[in-house]
Each structure stands twice: as C-alpha cells, then as structure tokens.
mmCIF file of all heavy atoms, coordinates in Angstrom:
data_MODEL
# 
_entry.id   MODEL 
# 
loop_
_atom_site.group_PDB 
_atom_site.id 
_atom_site.type_symbol 
_atom_site.label_atom_id 
_atom_site.label_alt_id 
_atom_site.label_comp_id 
_atom_site.label_asym_id 
_atom_site.label_entity_id 
_atom_site.label_seq_id 
_atom_site.pdbx_PDB_ins_code 
_atom_site.Cartn_x 
_atom_site.Cartn_y 
_atom_site.Cartn_z 
_atom_site.occupancy 
_atom_site.B_iso_or_equiv 
_atom_site.pdbx_formal_charge 
_atom_site.auth_seq_id 
_atom_site.auth_comp_id 
_atom_site.auth_asym_id 
_atom_site.auth_atom_id 
_atom_site.pdbx_PDB_model_num 
ATOM 1   N N   . LYS A 1 1  ? 8.975   12.793 -25.824 1.00 0.00 ? 1  LYS A N   1 
ATOM 2   C CA  . LYS A 1 1  ? 9.146   14.182 -25.409 1.00 0.00 ? 1  LYS A CA  1 
ATOM 3   C C   . LYS A 1 1  ? 10.265  14.346 -24.383 1.00 0.00 ? 1  LYS A C   1 
ATOM 4   O O   . LYS A 1 1  ? 10.610  15.474 -24.009 1.00 0.00 ? 1  LYS A O   1 
ATOM 5   C CB  . LYS A 1 1  ? 7.825   14.725 -24.844 1.00 0.00 ? 1  LYS A CB  1 
ATOM 6   C CG  . LYS A 1 1  ? 6.726   14.813 -25.898 1.00 0.00 ? 1  LYS A CG  1 
ATOM 7   C CD  . LYS A 1 1  ? 5.424   15.363 -25.352 1.00 0.00 ? 1  LYS A CD  1 
ATOM 8   C CE  . LYS A 1 1  ? 5.437   16.872 -25.261 1.00 0.00 ? 1  LYS A CE  1 
ATOM 9   N NZ  . LYS A 1 1  ? 5.455   17.536 -26.578 1.00 0.00 ? 1  LYS A NZ  1 
ATOM 10  N N   . GLY A 1 2  ? 10.822  13.217 -23.930 1.00 0.00 ? 2  GLY A N   1 
ATOM 11  C CA  . GLY A 1 2  ? 11.931  13.280 -22.980 1.00 0.00 ? 2  GLY A CA  1 
ATOM 12  C C   . GLY A 1 2  ? 11.522  13.771 -21.611 1.00 0.00 ? 2  GLY A C   1 
ATOM 13  O O   . GLY A 1 2  ? 12.330  14.407 -20.902 1.00 0.00 ? 2  GLY A O   1 
ATOM 14  N N   . LEU A 1 3  ? 10.286  13.466 -21.196 1.00 0.00 ? 3  LEU A N   1 
ATOM 15  C CA  . LEU A 1 3  ? 9.784   13.960 -19.917 1.00 0.00 ? 3  LEU A CA  1 
ATOM 16  C C   . LEU A 1 3  ? 10.085  12.981 -18.785 1.00 0.00 ? 3  LEU A C   1 
ATOM 17  O O   . LEU A 1 3  ? 10.098  11.765 -18.975 1.00 0.00 ? 3  LEU A O   1 
ATOM 18  C CB  . LEU A 1 3  ? 8.278   14.206 -20.013 1.00 0.00 ? 3  LEU A CB  1 
ATOM 19  C CG  . LEU A 1 3  ? 7.873   15.286 -21.038 1.00 0.00 ? 3  LEU A CG  1 
ATOM 20  C CD1 . LEU A 1 3  ? 6.359   15.341 -21.177 1.00 0.00 ? 3  LEU A CD1 1 
ATOM 21  C CD2 . LEU A 1 3  ? 8.428   16.652 -20.643 1.00 0.00 ? 3  LEU A CD2 1 
ATOM 22  N N   . PHE A 1 4  ? 10.316  13.521 -17.620 1.00 0.00 ? 4  PHE A N   1 
ATOM 23  C CA  . PHE A 1 4  ? 10.645  12.764 -16.420 1.00 0.00 ? 4  PHE A CA  1 
ATOM 24  C C   . PHE A 1 4  ? 9.337   12.213 -15.847 1.00 0.00 ? 4  PHE A C   1 
ATOM 25  O O   . PHE A 1 4  ? 8.426   12.966 -15.521 1.00 0.00 ? 4  PHE A O   1 
ATOM 26  C CB  . PHE A 1 4  ? 11.345  13.687 -15.438 1.00 0.00 ? 4  PHE A CB  1 
ATOM 27  C CG  . PHE A 1 4  ? 11.802  13.041 -14.161 1.00 0.00 ? 4  PHE A CG  1 
ATOM 28  C CD1 . PHE A 1 4  ? 12.143  11.704 -14.096 1.00 0.00 ? 4  PHE A CD1 1 
ATOM 29  C CD2 . PHE A 1 4  ? 11.917  13.812 -13.007 1.00 0.00 ? 4  PHE A CD2 1 
ATOM 30  C CE1 . PHE A 1 4  ? 12.577  11.115 -12.925 1.00 0.00 ? 4  PHE A CE1 1 
ATOM 31  C CE2 . PHE A 1 4  ? 12.359  13.245 -11.818 1.00 0.00 ? 4  PHE A CE2 1 
ATOM 32  C CZ  . PHE A 1 4  ? 12.677  11.902 -11.777 1.00 0.00 ? 4  PHE A CZ  1 
ATOM 33  N N   . TYR A 1 5  ? 9.235   10.885 -15.722 1.00 0.00 ? 5  TYR A N   1 
ATOM 34  C CA  . TYR A 1 5  ? 8.009   10.288 -15.193 1.00 0.00 ? 5  TYR A CA  1 
ATOM 35  C C   . TYR A 1 5  ? 8.325   9.019  -14.414 1.00 0.00 ? 5  TYR A C   1 
ATOM 36  O O   . TYR A 1 5  ? 9.396   8.434  -14.548 1.00 0.00 ? 5  TYR A O   1 
ATOM 37  C CB  . TYR A 1 5  ? 7.021   9.987  -16.323 1.00 0.00 ? 5  TYR A CB  1 
ATOM 38  C CG  . TYR A 1 5  ? 7.415   8.830  -17.218 1.00 0.00 ? 5  TYR A CG  1 
ATOM 39  C CD1 . TYR A 1 5  ? 6.948   7.532  -16.981 1.00 0.00 ? 5  TYR A CD1 1 
ATOM 40  C CD2 . TYR A 1 5  ? 8.239   9.028  -18.326 1.00 0.00 ? 5  TYR A CD2 1 
ATOM 41  C CE1 . TYR A 1 5  ? 7.309   6.474  -17.812 1.00 0.00 ? 5  TYR A CE1 1 
ATOM 42  C CE2 . TYR A 1 5  ? 8.590   7.988  -19.162 1.00 0.00 ? 5  TYR A CE2 1 
ATOM 43  C CZ  . TYR A 1 5  ? 8.117   6.708  -18.901 1.00 0.00 ? 5  TYR A CZ  1 
ATOM 44  O OH  . TYR A 1 5  ? 8.478   5.670  -19.711 1.00 0.00 ? 5  TYR A OH  1 
ATOM 45  N N   . GLU A 1 6  ? 7.347   8.612  -13.622 1.00 0.00 ? 6  GLU A N   1 
ATOM 46  C CA  . GLU A 1 6  ? 7.416   7.349  -12.887 1.00 0.00 ? 6  GLU A CA  1 
ATOM 47  C C   . GLU A 1 6  ? 6.101   6.605  -13.083 1.00 0.00 ? 6  GLU A C   1 
ATOM 48  O O   . GLU A 1 6  ? 5.032   7.218  -13.089 1.00 0.00 ? 6  GLU A O   1 
ATOM 49  C CB  . GLU A 1 6  ? 7.654   7.595  -11.399 1.00 0.00 ? 6  GLU A CB  1 
ATOM 50  C CG  . GLU A 1 6  ? 9.029   8.175  -11.081 1.00 0.00 ? 6  GLU A CG  1 
ATOM 51  C CD  . GLU A 1 6  ? 9.220   8.448  -9.593  1.00 0.00 ? 6  GLU A CD  1 
ATOM 52  O OE1 . GLU A 1 6  ? 8.214   8.310  -8.837  1.00 0.00 ? 6  GLU A OE1 1 
ATOM 53  O OE2 . GLU A 1 6  ? 10.342  8.791  -9.198  1.00 0.00 ? 6  GLU A OE2 1 
ATOM 54  N N   . THR A 1 7  ? 6.197   5.286  -13.244 1.00 0.00 ? 7  THR A N   1 
ATOM 55  C CA  . THR A 1 7  ? 4.997   4.476  -13.444 1.00 0.00 ? 7  THR A CA  1 
ATOM 56  C C   . THR A 1 7  ? 4.436   4.002  -12.111 1.00 0.00 ? 7  THR A C   1 
ATOM 57  O O   . THR A 1 7  ? 5.166   3.501  -11.260 1.00 0.00 ? 7  THR A O   1 
ATOM 58  C CB  . THR A 1 7  ? 5.308   3.251  -14.316 1.00 0.00 ? 7  THR A CB  1 
ATOM 59  O OG1 . THR A 1 7  ? 5.872   3.677  -15.554 1.00 0.00 ? 7  THR A OG1 1 
ATOM 60  C CG2 . THR A 1 7  ? 4.047   2.447  -14.586 1.00 0.00 ? 7  THR A CG2 1 
ATOM 61  N N   . THR A 1 8  ? 3.132   4.167  -11.953 1.00 0.00 ? 8  THR A N   1 
ATOM 62  C CA  . THR A 1 8  ? 2.404   3.550  -10.843 1.00 0.00 ? 8  THR A CA  1 
ATOM 63  C C   . THR A 1 8  ? 1.513   2.473  -11.451 1.00 0.00 ? 8  THR A C   1 
ATOM 64  O O   . THR A 1 8  ? 0.665   2.769  -12.308 1.00 0.00 ? 8  THR A O   1 
ATOM 65  C CB  . THR A 1 8  ? 1.543   4.573  -10.090 1.00 0.00 ? 8  THR A CB  1 
ATOM 66  O OG1 . THR A 1 8  ? 2.396   5.525  -9.452  1.00 0.00 ? 8  THR A OG1 1 
ATOM 67  C CG2 . THR A 1 8  ? 0.684   3.893  -9.023  1.00 0.00 ? 8  THR A CG2 1 
ATOM 68  N N   . TRP A 1 9  ? 1.732   1.233  -11.056 1.00 0.00 ? 9  TRP A N   1 
ATOM 69  C CA  . TRP A 1 9  ? 1.003   0.112  -11.638 1.00 0.00 ? 9  TRP A CA  1 
ATOM 70  C C   . TRP A 1 9  ? -0.308  -0.091 -10.891 1.00 0.00 ? 9  TRP A C   1 
ATOM 71  O O   . TRP A 1 9  ? -0.328  -0.146 -9.664  1.00 0.00 ? 9  TRP A O   1 
ATOM 72  C CB  . TRP A 1 9  ? 1.842   -1.155 -11.590 1.00 0.00 ? 9  TRP A CB  1 
ATOM 73  C CG  . TRP A 1 9  ? 3.133   -1.041 -12.349 1.00 0.00 ? 9  TRP A CG  1 
ATOM 74  C CD1 . TRP A 1 9  ? 4.374   -0.837 -11.841 1.00 0.00 ? 9  TRP A CD1 1 
ATOM 75  C CD2 . TRP A 1 9  ? 3.291   -1.114 -13.773 1.00 0.00 ? 9  TRP A CD2 1 
ATOM 76  N NE1 . TRP A 1 9  ? 5.305   -0.779 -12.847 1.00 0.00 ? 9  TRP A NE1 1 
ATOM 77  C CE2 . TRP A 1 9  ? 4.671   -0.944 -14.047 1.00 0.00 ? 9  TRP A CE2 1 
ATOM 78  C CE3 . TRP A 1 9  ? 2.417   -1.294 -14.842 1.00 0.00 ? 9  TRP A CE3 1 
ATOM 79  C CZ2 . TRP A 1 9  ? 5.178   -0.962 -15.342 1.00 0.00 ? 9  TRP A CZ2 1 
ATOM 80  C CZ3 . TRP A 1 9  ? 2.919   -1.315 -16.133 1.00 0.00 ? 9  TRP A CZ3 1 
ATOM 81  C CH2 . TRP A 1 9  ? 4.282   -1.156 -16.369 1.00 0.00 ? 9  TRP A CH2 1 
ATOM 82  N N   . VAL A 1 10 ? -1.396  -0.225 -11.631 1.00 0.00 ? 10 VAL A N   1 
ATOM 83  C CA  . VAL A 1 10 ? -2.735  -0.333 -11.057 1.00 0.00 ? 10 VAL A CA  1 
ATOM 84  C C   . VAL A 1 10 ? -3.418  -1.576 -11.617 1.00 0.00 ? 10 VAL A C   1 
ATOM 85  O O   . VAL A 1 10 ? -3.561  -1.716 -12.837 1.00 0.00 ? 10 VAL A O   1 
ATOM 86  C CB  . VAL A 1 10 ? -3.587  0.916  -11.394 1.00 0.00 ? 10 VAL A CB  1 
ATOM 87  C CG1 . VAL A 1 10 ? -4.939  0.837  -10.698 1.00 0.00 ? 10 VAL A CG1 1 
ATOM 88  C CG2 . VAL A 1 10 ? -2.853  2.193  -11.015 1.00 0.00 ? 10 VAL A CG2 1 
ATOM 89  N N   . GLU A 1 11 ? -3.851  -2.470 -10.729 1.00 0.00 ? 11 GLU A N   1 
ATOM 90  C CA  . GLU A 1 11 ? -4.554  -3.672 -11.181 1.00 0.00 ? 11 GLU A CA  1 
ATOM 91  C C   . GLU A 1 11 ? -5.959  -3.301 -11.661 1.00 0.00 ? 11 GLU A C   1 
ATOM 92  O O   . GLU A 1 11 ? -6.564  -2.320 -11.208 1.00 0.00 ? 11 GLU A O   1 
ATOM 93  C CB  . GLU A 1 11 ? -4.646  -4.693 -10.041 1.00 0.00 ? 11 GLU A CB  1 
ATOM 94  C CG  . GLU A 1 11 ? -3.302  -5.172 -9.505  1.00 0.00 ? 11 GLU A CG  1 
ATOM 95  C CD  . GLU A 1 11 ? -2.568  -6.134 -10.431 1.00 0.00 ? 11 GLU A CD  1 
ATOM 96  O OE1 . GLU A 1 11 ? -3.156  -6.523 -11.474 1.00 0.00 ? 11 GLU A OE1 1 
ATOM 97  O OE2 . GLU A 1 11 ? -1.420  -6.492 -10.118 1.00 0.00 ? 11 GLU A OE2 1 
ATOM 98  N N   . TYR A 1 12 ? -6.495  -4.076 -12.589 1.00 0.00 ? 12 TYR A N   1 
ATOM 99  C CA  . TYR A 1 12 ? -7.784  -3.778 -13.211 1.00 0.00 ? 12 TYR A CA  1 
ATOM 100 C C   . TYR A 1 12 ? -8.898  -3.448 -12.204 1.00 0.00 ? 12 TYR A C   1 
ATOM 101 O O   . TYR A 1 12 ? -9.626  -2.458 -12.399 1.00 0.00 ? 12 TYR A O   1 
ATOM 102 C CB  . TYR A 1 12 ? -8.231  -4.945 -14.084 1.00 0.00 ? 12 TYR A CB  1 
ATOM 103 C CG  . TYR A 1 12 ? -8.028  -4.717 -15.554 1.00 0.00 ? 12 TYR A CG  1 
ATOM 104 C CD1 . TYR A 1 12 ? -7.056  -5.415 -16.252 1.00 0.00 ? 12 TYR A CD1 1 
ATOM 105 C CD2 . TYR A 1 12 ? -8.810  -3.809 -16.266 1.00 0.00 ? 12 TYR A CD2 1 
ATOM 106 C CE1 . TYR A 1 12 ? -6.854  -5.211 -17.617 1.00 0.00 ? 12 TYR A CE1 1 
ATOM 107 C CE2 . TYR A 1 12 ? -8.614  -3.598 -17.622 1.00 0.00 ? 12 TYR A CE2 1 
ATOM 108 C CZ  . TYR A 1 12 ? -7.642  -4.303 -18.283 1.00 0.00 ? 12 TYR A CZ  1 
ATOM 109 O OH  . TYR A 1 12 ? -7.451  -4.092 -19.621 1.00 0.00 ? 12 TYR A OH  1 
ATOM 110 N N   . PRO A 1 13 ? -9.097  -4.254 -11.138 1.00 0.00 ? 13 PRO A N   1 
ATOM 111 C CA  . PRO A 1 13 ? -10.221 -3.962 -10.244 1.00 0.00 ? 13 PRO A CA  1 
ATOM 112 C C   . PRO A 1 13 ? -10.082 -2.639 -9.499  1.00 0.00 ? 13 PRO A C   1 
ATOM 113 O O   . PRO A 1 13 ? -11.061 -2.159 -8.908  1.00 0.00 ? 13 PRO A O   1 
ATOM 114 C CB  . PRO A 1 13 ? -10.192 -5.137 -9.249  1.00 0.00 ? 13 PRO A CB  1 
ATOM 115 C CG  . PRO A 1 13 ? -9.372  -6.183 -9.897  1.00 0.00 ? 13 PRO A CG  1 
ATOM 116 C CD  . PRO A 1 13 ? -8.375  -5.476 -10.745 1.00 0.00 ? 13 PRO A CD  1 
ATOM 117 N N   . ASP A 1 14 ? -8.887  -2.044 -9.512  1.00 0.00 ? 14 ASP A N   1 
ATOM 118 C CA  . ASP A 1 14 ? -8.649  -0.820 -8.749  1.00 0.00 ? 14 ASP A CA  1 
ATOM 119 C C   . ASP A 1 14 ? -8.713  0.450  -9.596  1.00 0.00 ? 14 ASP A C   1 
ATOM 120 O O   . ASP A 1 14 ? -8.571  1.558  -9.058  1.00 0.00 ? 14 ASP A O   1 
ATOM 121 C CB  . ASP A 1 14 ? -7.265  -0.896 -8.078  1.00 0.00 ? 14 ASP A CB  1 
ATOM 122 C CG  . ASP A 1 14 ? -7.122  -2.122 -7.186  1.00 0.00 ? 14 ASP A CG  1 
ATOM 123 O OD1 . ASP A 1 14 ? -8.130  -2.513 -6.562  1.00 0.00 ? 14 ASP A OD1 1 
ATOM 124 O OD2 . ASP A 1 14 ? -6.016  -2.682 -7.121  1.00 0.00 ? 14 ASP A OD2 1 
ATOM 125 N N   . ILE A 1 15 ? -8.936  0.307  -10.903 1.00 0.00 ? 15 ILE A N   1 
ATOM 126 C CA  . ILE A 1 15 ? -8.859  1.469  -11.796 1.00 0.00 ? 15 ILE A CA  1 
ATOM 127 C C   . ILE A 1 15 ? -9.954  2.494  -11.501 1.00 0.00 ? 15 ILE A C   1 
ATOM 128 O O   . ILE A 1 15 ? -9.686  3.695  -11.383 1.00 0.00 ? 15 ILE A O   1 
ATOM 129 C CB  . ILE A 1 15 ? -8.913  1.031  -13.273 1.00 0.00 ? 15 ILE A CB  1 
ATOM 130 C CG1 . ILE A 1 15 ? -7.621  0.288  -13.652 1.00 0.00 ? 15 ILE A CG1 1 
ATOM 131 C CG2 . ILE A 1 15 ? -9.115  2.240  -14.187 1.00 0.00 ? 15 ILE A CG2 1 
ATOM 132 C CD1 . ILE A 1 15 ? -7.638  -0.306 -15.050 1.00 0.00 ? 15 ILE A CD1 1 
ATOM 133 N N   . VAL A 1 16 ? -11.189 2.055  -11.380 1.00 0.00 ? 16 VAL A N   1 
ATOM 134 C CA  . VAL A 1 16 ? -12.295 2.988  -11.156 1.00 0.00 ? 16 VAL A CA  1 
ATOM 135 C C   . VAL A 1 16 ? -12.096 3.737  -9.846  1.00 0.00 ? 16 VAL A C   1 
ATOM 136 O O   . VAL A 1 16 ? -12.228 4.977  -9.788  1.00 0.00 ? 16 VAL A O   1 
ATOM 137 C CB  . VAL A 1 16 ? -13.644 2.249  -11.159 1.00 0.00 ? 16 VAL A CB  1 
ATOM 138 C CG1 . VAL A 1 16 ? -14.770 3.193  -10.748 1.00 0.00 ? 16 VAL A CG1 1 
ATOM 139 C CG2 . VAL A 1 16 ? -13.934 1.665  -12.533 1.00 0.00 ? 16 VAL A CG2 1 
ATOM 140 N N   . GLU A 1 17 ? -11.784 3.015  -8.778  1.00 0.00 ? 17 GLU A N   1 
ATOM 141 C CA  . GLU A 1 17 ? -11.579 3.641  -7.467  1.00 0.00 ? 17 GLU A CA  1 
ATOM 142 C C   . GLU A 1 17 ? -10.439 4.650  -7.518  1.00 0.00 ? 17 GLU A C   1 
ATOM 143 O O   . GLU A 1 17 ? -10.539 5.755  -6.963  1.00 0.00 ? 17 GLU A O   1 
ATOM 144 C CB  . GLU A 1 17 ? -11.288 2.564  -6.422  1.00 0.00 ? 17 GLU A CB  1 
ATOM 145 C CG  . GLU A 1 17 ? -11.106 3.119  -5.019  1.00 0.00 ? 17 GLU A CG  1 
ATOM 146 C CD  . GLU A 1 17 ? -10.838 2.033  -4.005  1.00 0.00 ? 17 GLU A CD  1 
ATOM 147 O OE1 . GLU A 1 17 ? -10.995 0.837  -4.342  1.00 0.00 ? 17 GLU A OE1 1 
ATOM 148 O OE2 . GLU A 1 17 ? -10.451 2.363  -2.869  1.00 0.00 ? 17 GLU A OE2 1 
ATOM 149 N N   . LEU A 1 18 ? -9.340  4.282  -8.191  1.00 0.00 ? 18 LEU A N   1 
ATOM 150 C CA  . LEU A 1 18 ? -8.206  5.198  -8.313  1.00 0.00 ? 18 LEU A CA  1 
ATOM 151 C C   . LEU A 1 18 ? -8.625  6.479  -9.026  1.00 0.00 ? 18 LEU A C   1 
ATOM 152 O O   . LEU A 1 18 ? -8.340  7.585  -8.554  1.00 0.00 ? 18 LEU A O   1 
ATOM 153 C CB  . LEU A 1 18 ? -7.065  4.545  -9.092  1.00 0.00 ? 18 LEU A CB  1 
ATOM 154 C CG  . LEU A 1 18 ? -6.004  5.540  -9.575  1.00 0.00 ? 18 LEU A CG  1 
ATOM 155 C CD1 . LEU A 1 18 ? -5.015  5.830  -8.467  1.00 0.00 ? 18 LEU A CD1 1 
ATOM 156 C CD2 . LEU A 1 18 ? -5.314  5.082  -10.832 1.00 0.00 ? 18 LEU A CD2 1 
ATOM 157 N N   . CYS A 1 19 ? -9.270  6.344  -10.184 1.00 0.00 ? 19 CYS A N   1 
ATOM 158 C CA  . CYS A 1 19 ? -9.652  7.517  -10.972 1.00 0.00 ? 19 CYS A CA  1 
ATOM 159 C C   . CYS A 1 19 ? -10.553 8.453  -10.174 1.00 0.00 ? 19 CYS A C   1 
ATOM 160 O O   . CYS A 1 19 ? -10.374 9.680  -10.190 1.00 0.00 ? 19 CYS A O   1 
ATOM 161 C CB  . CYS A 1 19 ? -10.342 7.087  -12.260 1.00 0.00 ? 19 CYS A CB  1 
ATOM 162 S SG  . CYS A 1 19 ? -9.236  6.309  -13.467 1.00 0.00 ? 19 CYS A SG  1 
ATOM 163 N N   . LYS A 1 20 ? -11.516 7.888  -9.473  1.00 0.00 ? 20 LYS A N   1 
ATOM 164 C CA  . LYS A 1 20 ? -12.409 8.718  -8.666  1.00 0.00 ? 20 LYS A CA  1 
ATOM 165 C C   . LYS A 1 20 ? -11.656 9.380  -7.520  1.00 0.00 ? 20 LYS A C   1 
ATOM 166 O O   . LYS A 1 20 ? -11.891 10.554 -7.199  1.00 0.00 ? 20 LYS A O   1 
ATOM 167 C CB  . LYS A 1 20 ? -13.562 7.867  -8.125  1.00 0.00 ? 20 LYS A CB  1 
ATOM 168 C CG  . LYS A 1 20 ? -14.543 7.420  -9.196  1.00 0.00 ? 20 LYS A CG  1 
ATOM 169 C CD  . LYS A 1 20 ? -15.666 6.594  -8.597  1.00 0.00 ? 20 LYS A CD  1 
ATOM 170 C CE  . LYS A 1 20 ? -16.695 6.203  -9.662  1.00 0.00 ? 20 LYS A CE  1 
ATOM 171 N NZ  . LYS A 1 20 ? -17.787 5.388  -9.077  1.00 0.00 ? 20 LYS A NZ  1 
ATOM 172 N N   . ALA A 1 21 ? -10.717 8.644  -6.918  1.00 0.00 ? 21 ALA A N   1 
ATOM 173 C CA  . ALA A 1 21 ? -9.979  9.170  -5.769  1.00 0.00 ? 21 ALA A CA  1 
ATOM 174 C C   . ALA A 1 21 ? -9.093  10.346 -6.134  1.00 0.00 ? 21 ALA A C   1 
ATOM 175 O O   . ALA A 1 21 ? -8.943  11.300 -5.361  1.00 0.00 ? 21 ALA A O   1 
ATOM 176 C CB  . ALA A 1 21 ? -9.154  8.059  -5.122  1.00 0.00 ? 21 ALA A CB  1 
ATOM 177 N N   . ILE A 1 22 ? -8.487  10.298 -7.329  1.00 0.00 ? 22 ILE A N   1 
ATOM 178 C CA  . ILE A 1 22 ? -7.561  11.369 -7.715  1.00 0.00 ? 22 ILE A CA  1 
ATOM 179 C C   . ILE A 1 22 ? -8.242  12.442 -8.567  1.00 0.00 ? 22 ILE A C   1 
ATOM 180 O O   . ILE A 1 22 ? -7.626  13.443 -8.919  1.00 0.00 ? 22 ILE A O   1 
ATOM 181 C CB  . ILE A 1 22 ? -6.333  10.820 -8.466  1.00 0.00 ? 22 ILE A CB  1 
ATOM 182 C CG1 . ILE A 1 22 ? -6.718  10.227 -9.820  1.00 0.00 ? 22 ILE A CG1 1 
ATOM 183 C CG2 . ILE A 1 22 ? -5.588  9.801  -7.605  1.00 0.00 ? 22 ILE A CG2 1 
ATOM 184 C CD1 . ILE A 1 22 ? -5.531  9.776  -10.656 1.00 0.00 ? 22 ILE A CD1 1 
ATOM 185 N N   . GLY A 1 23 ? -9.524  12.240 -8.883  1.00 0.00 ? 23 GLY A N   1 
ATOM 186 C CA  . GLY A 1 23 ? -10.250 13.240 -9.660  1.00 0.00 ? 23 GLY A CA  1 
ATOM 187 C C   . GLY A 1 23 ? -10.031 13.163 -11.150 1.00 0.00 ? 23 GLY A C   1 
ATOM 188 O O   . GLY A 1 23 ? -10.201 14.159 -11.856 1.00 0.00 ? 23 GLY A O   1 
ATOM 189 N N   . ALA A 1 24 ? -9.684  11.976 -11.662 1.00 0.00 ? 24 ALA A N   1 
ATOM 190 C CA  . ALA A 1 24 ? -9.513  11.807 -13.113 1.00 0.00 ? 24 ALA A CA  1 
ATOM 191 C C   . ALA A 1 24 ? -10.878 11.715 -13.783 1.00 0.00 ? 24 ALA A C   1 
ATOM 192 O O   . ALA A 1 24 ? -11.776 11.032 -13.296 1.00 0.00 ? 24 ALA A O   1 
ATOM 193 C CB  . ALA A 1 24 ? -8.703  10.552 -13.408 1.00 0.00 ? 24 ALA A CB  1 
ATOM 194 N N   . GLU A 1 25 ? -11.024 12.392 -14.904 1.00 0.00 ? 25 GLU A N   1 
ATOM 195 C CA  . GLU A 1 25 ? -12.271 12.314 -15.659 1.00 0.00 ? 25 GLU A CA  1 
ATOM 196 C C   . GLU A 1 25 ? -12.414 10.936 -16.305 1.00 0.00 ? 25 GLU A C   1 
ATOM 197 O O   . GLU A 1 25 ? -11.410 10.276 -16.609 1.00 0.00 ? 25 GLU A O   1 
ATOM 198 C CB  . GLU A 1 25 ? -12.299 13.390 -16.746 1.00 0.00 ? 25 GLU A CB  1 
ATOM 199 C CG  . GLU A 1 25 ? -12.365 14.811 -16.221 1.00 0.00 ? 25 GLU A CG  1 
ATOM 200 C CD  . GLU A 1 25 ? -12.479 15.810 -17.347 1.00 0.00 ? 25 GLU A CD  1 
ATOM 201 O OE1 . GLU A 1 25 ? -12.442 15.393 -18.526 1.00 0.00 ? 25 GLU A OE1 1 
ATOM 202 O OE2 . GLU A 1 25 ? -12.607 17.008 -17.053 1.00 0.00 ? 25 GLU A OE2 1 
ATOM 203 N N   . PRO A 1 26 ? -13.638 10.490 -16.531 1.00 0.00 ? 26 PRO A N   1 
ATOM 204 C CA  . PRO A 1 26 ? -13.808 9.233  -17.285 1.00 0.00 ? 26 PRO A CA  1 
ATOM 205 C C   . PRO A 1 26 ? -13.228 9.388  -18.678 1.00 0.00 ? 26 PRO A C   1 
ATOM 206 O O   . PRO A 1 26 ? -13.225 10.478 -19.253 1.00 0.00 ? 26 PRO A O   1 
ATOM 207 C CB  . PRO A 1 26 ? -15.327 9.039  -17.314 1.00 0.00 ? 26 PRO A CB  1 
ATOM 208 C CG  . PRO A 1 26 ? -15.902 10.393 -17.040 1.00 0.00 ? 26 PRO A CG  1 
ATOM 209 C CD  . PRO A 1 26 ? -14.923 11.091 -16.163 1.00 0.00 ? 26 PRO A CD  1 
ATOM 210 N N   . SER A 1 27 ? -12.709 8.306  -19.222 1.00 0.00 ? 27 SER A N   1 
ATOM 211 C CA  . SER A 1 27 ? -12.138 8.367  -20.560 1.00 0.00 ? 27 SER A CA  1 
ATOM 212 C C   . SER A 1 27 ? -13.216 8.490  -21.625 1.00 0.00 ? 27 SER A C   1 
ATOM 213 O O   . SER A 1 27 ? -12.968 8.971  -22.733 1.00 0.00 ? 27 SER A O   1 
ATOM 214 C CB  . SER A 1 27 ? -11.268 7.134  -20.828 1.00 0.00 ? 27 SER A CB  1 
ATOM 215 O OG  . SER A 1 27 ? -12.008 5.957  -20.590 1.00 0.00 ? 27 SER A OG  1 
# 
C-alpha cells in the first residue's frame, strides 16, 4: 500500500505486556 511505517521489535516474553500496555485486543 506504500504506507510510511517503522518497525518496533518485540521479544516473545514481552508481547503480552506490550499488547496490554498499548490497549491492543487479543488476536
């Protein structure tokens, strides 16, 4: 889609904490 983005790399043990912290819904 040609969208401007930046990658933030997240290690496996930090995924749940990250999602909860930013308000991401469970997949």
